[in-house]
C-alpha atoms as a PDB file:
ATOM      1  CA  UNK A   1     -70.687  11.926  28.337  1.00  0.00           C
ATOM      2  CA  UNK A   2     -71.483  15.468  29.102  1.00  0.00           C
ATOM      3  CA  UNK A   3     -72.460  18.128  26.716  1.00  0.00           C
ATOM      4  CA  UNK A   4     -72.387  22.056  26.659  1.00  0.00           C
ATOM      5  CA  UNK A   5     -74.683  23.932  24.390  1.00  0.00           C
ATOM      6  CA  UNK A   6     -73.729  27.383  23.762  1.00  0.00           C
ATOM      7  CA  UNK A   7     -76.517  29.826  22.318  1.00  0.00           C
ATOM      8  CA  UNK A   8     -76.727  33.138  22.062  1.00  0.00           C
ATOM      9  CA  UNK A   9     -80.332  33.815  23.380  1.00  0.00           C
ATOM     10  CA  UNK A  10     -83.143  31.225  24.233  1.00  0.00           C
ATOM     11  CA  UNK A  11     -86.018  33.807  24.619  1.00  0.00           C
ATOM     12  CA  UNK A  12     -89.492  33.080  22.886  1.00  0.00           C
ATOM     13  CA  UNK A  13     -89.443  35.750  20.924  1.00  0.00           C
ATOM     14  CA  UNK A  14     -86.586  34.486  18.605  1.00  0.00           C
ATOM     15  CA  UNK A  15     -89.034  31.708  17.633  1.00  0.00           C
ATOM     16  CA  UNK A  16     -87.561  28.031  16.267  1.00  0.00           C
ATOM     17  CA  UNK A  17     -83.422  28.253  17.032  1.00  0.00           C
ATOM     18  CA  UNK A  18     -84.328  28.674  20.977  1.00  0.00           C
ATOM     19  CA  UNK A  19     -86.949  25.971  20.965  1.00  0.00           C
ATOM     20  CA  UNK A  20     -84.655  23.597  19.120  1.00  0.00           C
ATOM     21  CA  UNK A  21     -81.989  23.913  21.843  1.00  0.00           C
ATOM     22  CA  UNK A  22     -84.358  22.729  24.390  1.00  0.00           C
ATOM     23  CA  UNK A  23     -85.293  19.708  22.059  1.00  0.00           C
ATOM     24  CA  UNK A  24     -81.495  18.974  21.675  1.00  0.00           C
ATOM     25  CA  UNK A  25     -81.062  18.984  25.308  1.00  0.00           C
ATOM     26  CA  UNK A  26     -83.886  16.730  26.075  1.00  0.00           C
ATOM     27  CA  UNK A  27     -82.975  14.476  23.465  1.00  0.00           C
ATOM     28  CA  UNK A  28     -79.189  14.142  24.510  1.00  0.00           C
ATOM     29  CA  UNK A  29     -80.541  13.492  28.392  1.00  0.00           C
ATOM     30  CA  UNK A  30     -82.539  10.543  26.522  1.00  0.00           C
ATOM     31  CA  UNK A  31     -79.499   9.049  25.083  1.00  0.00           C
ATOM     32  CA  UNK A  32     -77.743   9.234  28.252  1.00  0.00           C
ATOM     33  CA  UNK A  33     -75.798  12.586  28.315  1.00  0.00           C
ATOM     34  CA  UNK A  34     -75.243  14.979  31.215  1.00  0.00           C
ATOM     35  CA  UNK A  35     -76.296  18.395  29.517  1.00  0.00           C
ATOM     36  CA  UNK A  36     -75.829  21.854  30.512  1.00  0.00           C
ATOM     37  CA  UNK A  37     -76.620  24.978  28.304  1.00  0.00           C
ATOM     38  CA  UNK A  38     -75.545  28.552  28.869  1.00  0.00           C
ATOM     39  CA  UNK A  39     -77.081  31.644  27.085  1.00  0.00           C
ATOM     40  CA  UNK A  40     -77.971  35.275  27.647  1.00  0.00           C
ATOM     41  CA  UNK A  41     -81.072  36.558  29.162  1.00  0.00           C
ATOM     42  CA  UNK A  42     -81.644  38.515  25.823  1.00  0.00           C
ATOM     43  CA  UNK A  43     -85.609  38.665  24.424  1.00  0.00           C
ATOM     44  CA  UNK A  44     -86.003  41.240  21.972  1.00  0.00           C
ATOM     45  CA  UNK A  45     -86.680  44.667  23.277  1.00  0.00           C
ATOM     46  CA  UNK A  46     -86.974  42.964  26.756  1.00  0.00           C
ATOM     47  CA  UNK A  47     -84.936  40.687  28.742  1.00  0.00           C
ATOM     48  CA  UNK A  48     -85.978  37.244  30.228  1.00  0.00           C
ATOM     49  CA  UNK A  49     -86.848  37.383  34.011  1.00  0.00           C
ATOM     50  CA  UNK A  50     -84.623  34.434  35.090  1.00  0.00           C
ATOM     51  CA  UNK A  51     -81.721  34.484  37.907  1.00  0.00           C
ATOM     52  CA  UNK A  52     -78.216  35.361  36.182  1.00  0.00           C
ATOM     53  CA  UNK A  53     -75.109  33.437  36.593  1.00  0.00           C
ATOM     54  CA  UNK A  54     -76.519  30.583  38.541  1.00  0.00           C
ATOM     55  CA  UNK A  55     -77.380  26.964  37.378  1.00  0.00           C
ATOM     56  CA  UNK A  56     -81.151  26.444  36.987  1.00  0.00           C
ATOM     57  CA  UNK A  57     -82.186  22.802  36.945  1.00  0.00           C
ATOM     58  CA  UNK A  58     -84.606  21.971  34.956  1.00  0.00           C
ATOM     59  CA  UNK A  59     -86.355  18.326  34.489  1.00  0.00           C
ATOM     60  CA  UNK A  60     -83.276  16.676  32.795  1.00  0.00           C
ATOM     61  CA  UNK A  61     -80.810  19.416  32.243  1.00  0.00           C
ATOM     62  CA  UNK A  62     -79.289  22.564  33.830  1.00  0.00           C
ATOM     63  CA  UNK A  63     -79.464  26.176  32.237  1.00  0.00           C
ATOM     64  CA  UNK A  64     -77.299  29.517  33.209  1.00  0.00           C
ATOM     65  CA  UNK A  65     -77.901  32.760  31.909  1.00  0.00           C
ATOM     66  CA  UNK A  66     -75.734  35.643  31.778  1.00  0.00           C
ATOM     67  CA  UNK A  67     -76.231  39.474  31.143  1.00  0.00           C
ATOM     68  CA  UNK A  68     -76.762  40.724  27.238  1.00  0.00           C
ATOM     69  CA  UNK A  69     -75.202  43.948  26.915  1.00  0.00           C
ATOM     70  CA  UNK A  70     -77.320  45.929  24.553  1.00  0.00           C
ATOM     71  CA  UNK A  71     -75.117  47.931  22.107  1.00  0.00           C
ATOM     72  CA  UNK A  72     -76.628  51.274  21.101  1.00  0.00           C
END
């Protein structure tokens, strides 16, 4: 089974909700799923220092970050 998790942001500044995305991905992989995560690079007042719009392979899953456009 393939699973795509879509989250608004994964920055540590957002606390628990961001952390649970990674925990969910690990649990799904443990059950045999292939997991991809997509999110913005938002992290409060600063942005995450990550490559944008390319897959980053973690231990068991992949993550792709997209630009976060701040509305002012």
